[in-house]
Amino acid sequence: MNPYLRPINNVVRQMKAVPFPFPYVPQLVHLIVLTSVLLLFAGLFITIGLISQIAGVFRGLILDAQKHLRE
């Protein structure tokens, strides 16, 4: 399970819940900050989350191959 998936979903949910009454400036600042946080989590999701999952799969394959070679 990728540890950054839940925070990404929470940020998207918060972005959808931002109301837009007049004046729009505070809401736009709020959306800009949430968008930057979302981009940060997306970068971490790709670099740390997916790569660690791929590395775990390769580690499992290597250990299985070692087990079969010993037999």
N, C-alpha and C. Protein backbone atom coordinates (compact mmCIF):
# COMPACT_ATOMS: atom_id res chain seq x y z
N MET A 1 0.84 -1.19 0.00
CA MET A 1 0.00 0.00 0.00
C MET A 1 0.88 1.25 0.00
N ASN A 2 0.59 2.16 -0.88
CA ASN A 2 1.37 3.39 -0.98
C ASN A 2 0.97 4.35 0.13
N PRO A 3 1.93 4.81 0.94
CA PRO A 3 1.58 5.67 2.08
C PRO A 3 1.11 7.06 1.69
N TYR A 4 1.29 7.47 0.45
CA TYR A 4 0.91 8.82 0.04
C TYR A 4 -0.45 8.87 -0.65
N LEU A 5 -1.09 7.74 -0.82
CA LEU A 5 -2.39 7.73 -1.51
C LEU A 5 -3.47 8.36 -0.65
N ARG A 6 -3.52 8.06 0.64
CA ARG A 6 -4.55 8.62 1.52
C ARG A 6 -4.41 10.13 1.67
N PRO A 7 -3.19 10.69 1.88
CA PRO A 7 -3.09 12.15 1.93
C PRO A 7 -3.48 12.84 0.63
N ILE A 8 -3.20 12.20 -0.50
CA ILE A 8 -3.59 12.78 -1.79
C ILE A 8 -5.11 12.84 -1.88
N ASN A 9 -5.78 11.78 -1.48
CA ASN A 9 -7.24 11.77 -1.50
C ASN A 9 -7.82 12.82 -0.56
N ASN A 10 -7.19 13.01 0.61
CA ASN A 10 -7.67 14.03 1.55
C ASN A 10 -7.52 15.43 0.99
N VAL A 11 -6.41 15.71 0.33
CA VAL A 11 -6.19 17.05 -0.25
C VAL A 11 -7.19 17.31 -1.37
N VAL A 12 -7.44 16.31 -2.20
CA VAL A 12 -8.42 16.48 -3.29
C VAL A 12 -9.81 16.73 -2.71
N ARG A 13 -10.17 16.02 -1.66
CA ARG A 13 -11.46 16.21 -1.00
C ARG A 13 -11.56 17.63 -0.44
N GLN A 14 -10.47 18.14 0.15
CA GLN A 14 -10.47 19.51 0.67
C GLN A 14 -10.58 20.54 -0.45
N MET A 15 -9.95 20.25 -1.58
CA MET A 15 -10.03 21.18 -2.71
C MET A 15 -11.45 21.27 -3.24
N LYS A 16 -12.14 20.15 -3.28
CA LYS A 16 -13.52 20.15 -3.76
C LYS A 16 -14.46 20.85 -2.80
N ALA A 17 -14.10 20.91 -1.52
CA ALA A 17 -14.99 21.48 -0.50
C ALA A 17 -14.79 22.99 -0.31
N VAL A 18 -13.89 23.62 -1.05
CA VAL A 18 -13.66 25.06 -0.89
C VAL A 18 -14.84 25.82 -1.48
N PRO A 19 -15.56 26.62 -0.67
CA PRO A 19 -16.67 27.41 -1.21
C PRO A 19 -16.14 28.65 -1.93
N PHE A 20 -16.94 29.21 -2.82
CA PHE A 20 -16.51 30.38 -3.59
C PHE A 20 -17.45 31.57 -3.43
N PRO A 21 -17.61 32.09 -2.20
CA PRO A 21 -18.37 33.34 -2.06
C PRO A 21 -17.47 34.53 -2.41
N PHE A 22 -18.10 35.66 -2.66
CA PHE A 22 -17.32 36.87 -2.98
C PHE A 22 -16.70 37.40 -1.72
N PRO A 23 -15.51 37.87 -1.63
CA PRO A 23 -14.41 38.00 -2.59
C PRO A 23 -13.68 36.67 -2.77
N TYR A 24 -13.13 36.50 -3.94
CA TYR A 24 -12.54 35.22 -4.30
C TYR A 24 -11.08 35.08 -3.92
N VAL A 25 -10.42 36.12 -3.47
CA VAL A 25 -8.98 36.09 -3.20
C VAL A 25 -8.60 35.06 -2.13
N PRO A 26 -9.26 35.00 -0.97
CA PRO A 26 -8.85 33.99 0.03
C PRO A 26 -9.03 32.55 -0.48
N GLN A 27 -10.10 32.33 -1.24
CA GLN A 27 -10.32 30.98 -1.77
C GLN A 27 -9.28 30.62 -2.82
N LEU A 28 -8.87 31.59 -3.62
CA LEU A 28 -7.83 31.32 -4.61
C LEU A 28 -6.49 31.03 -3.94
N VAL A 29 -6.17 31.76 -2.88
CA VAL A 29 -4.94 31.48 -2.14
C VAL A 29 -5.01 30.08 -1.53
N HIS A 30 -6.17 29.74 -0.98
CA HIS A 30 -6.37 28.41 -0.40
C HIS A 30 -6.17 27.33 -1.45
N LEU A 31 -6.75 27.52 -2.63
CA LEU A 31 -6.60 26.53 -3.71
C LEU A 31 -5.16 26.45 -4.21
N ILE A 32 -4.47 27.57 -4.27
CA ILE A 32 -3.07 27.55 -4.70
C ILE A 32 -2.22 26.76 -3.71
N VAL A 33 -2.44 26.98 -2.43
CA VAL A 33 -1.68 26.24 -1.41
C VAL A 33 -2.00 24.75 -1.48
N LEU A 34 -3.29 24.41 -1.59
CA LEU A 34 -3.66 22.99 -1.69
C LEU A 34 -3.11 22.34 -2.96
N THR A 35 -3.07 23.09 -4.05
CA THR A 35 -2.50 22.56 -5.29
C THR A 35 -1.01 22.30 -5.14
N SER A 36 -0.31 23.20 -4.47
CA SER A 36 1.13 22.97 -4.27
C SER A 36 1.38 21.76 -3.36
N VAL A 37 0.55 21.60 -2.34
CA VAL A 37 0.67 20.42 -1.47
C VAL A 37 0.36 19.15 -2.26
N LEU A 38 -0.66 19.22 -3.11
CA LEU A 38 -1.01 18.07 -3.94
C LEU A 38 0.12 17.70 -4.89
N LEU A 39 0.78 18.70 -5.47
CA LEU A 39 1.92 18.42 -6.36
C LEU A 39 3.08 17.80 -5.58
N LEU A 40 3.30 18.27 -4.35
CA LEU A 40 4.35 17.69 -3.52
C LEU A 40 4.05 16.23 -3.21
N PHE A 41 2.82 15.93 -2.82
CA PHE A 41 2.44 14.55 -2.52
C PHE A 41 2.50 13.68 -3.78
N ALA A 42 2.13 14.24 -4.92
CA ALA A 42 2.20 13.47 -6.17
C ALA A 42 3.65 13.13 -6.50
N GLY A 43 4.55 14.08 -6.29
CA GLY A 43 5.98 13.80 -6.51
C GLY A 43 6.49 12.73 -5.57
N LEU A 44 6.09 12.81 -4.31
CA LEU A 44 6.51 11.78 -3.35
C LEU A 44 5.88 10.44 -3.67
N PHE A 45 4.62 10.46 -4.14
CA PHE A 45 3.92 9.23 -4.52
C PHE A 45 4.69 8.51 -5.61
N ILE A 46 5.15 9.27 -6.60
CA ILE A 46 5.85 8.66 -7.72
C ILE A 46 7.25 8.22 -7.33
N THR A 47 7.99 9.10 -6.65
CA THR A 47 9.39 8.78 -6.38
C THR A 47 9.57 7.78 -5.26
N ILE A 48 8.85 7.94 -4.18
CA ILE A 48 9.05 7.06 -3.03
C ILE A 48 8.07 5.89 -3.04
N GLY A 49 6.79 6.17 -3.22
CA GLY A 49 5.77 5.14 -3.12
C GLY A 49 5.85 4.07 -4.18
N LEU A 50 5.84 4.48 -5.44
CA LEU A 50 5.85 3.49 -6.52
C LEU A 50 7.18 2.77 -6.62
N ILE A 51 8.26 3.51 -6.44
CA ILE A 51 9.58 2.88 -6.55
C ILE A 51 9.78 1.86 -5.43
N SER A 52 9.30 2.16 -4.23
CA SER A 52 9.45 1.18 -3.14
C SER A 52 8.60 -0.05 -3.39
N GLN A 53 7.42 0.14 -3.99
CA GLN A 53 6.60 -1.03 -4.32
C GLN A 53 7.26 -1.88 -5.40
N ILE A 54 7.82 -1.23 -6.41
CA ILE A 54 8.51 -1.97 -7.47
C ILE A 54 9.73 -2.69 -6.91
N ALA A 55 10.47 -2.02 -6.03
CA ALA A 55 11.64 -2.66 -5.41
C ALA A 55 11.22 -3.86 -4.58
N GLY A 56 10.08 -3.76 -3.89
CA GLY A 56 9.59 -4.89 -3.10
C GLY A 56 9.23 -6.08 -3.98
N VAL A 57 8.65 -5.82 -5.14
CA VAL A 57 8.31 -6.90 -6.07
C VAL A 57 9.58 -7.56 -6.58
N PHE A 58 10.57 -6.75 -6.98
CA PHE A 58 11.83 -7.32 -7.46
C PHE A 58 12.54 -8.11 -6.37
N ARG A 59 12.49 -7.63 -5.13
CA ARG A 59 13.11 -8.35 -4.01
C ARG A 59 12.44 -9.71 -3.83
N GLY A 60 11.12 -9.73 -3.92
CA GLY A 60 10.41 -11.00 -3.81
C GLY A 60 10.77 -11.95 -4.93
N LEU A 61 10.91 -11.44 -6.14
CA LEU A 61 11.30 -12.29 -7.27
C LEU A 61 12.72 -12.84 -7.09
N ILE A 62 13.62 -12.00 -6.60
CA ILE A 62 14.99 -12.45 -6.38
C ILE A 62 15.05 -13.52 -5.30
N LEU A 63 14.31 -13.32 -4.21
CA LEU A 63 14.30 -14.32 -3.14
C LEU A 63 13.68 -15.63 -3.60
N ASP A 64 12.63 -15.56 -4.42
CA ASP A 64 12.04 -16.78 -4.97
C ASP A 64 13.01 -17.50 -5.91
N ALA A 65 13.74 -16.73 -6.72
CA ALA A 65 14.71 -17.34 -7.62
C ALA A 65 15.84 -18.00 -6.83
N GLN A 66 16.29 -17.37 -5.75
CA GLN A 66 17.32 -17.99 -4.91
C GLN A 66 16.80 -19.28 -4.27
N LYS A 67 15.56 -19.26 -3.84
CA LYS A 67 14.97 -20.45 -3.24
C LYS A 67 14.89 -21.59 -4.23
N HIS A 68 14.50 -21.29 -5.46
CA HIS A 68 14.40 -22.34 -6.48
C HIS A 68 15.78 -22.86 -6.90
N LEU A 69 16.79 -21.98 -6.89
CA LEU A 69 18.13 -22.43 -7.25
C LEU A 69 18.72 -23.34 -6.17
N ARG A 70 18.37 -23.10 -4.93
CA ARG A 70 18.88 -23.97 -3.85
C ARG A 70 18.26 -25.34 -3.89
N GLU A 71 17.07 -25.45 -4.40
CA GLU A 71 16.39 -26.75 -4.46
C GLU A 71 16.83 -27.57 -5.60
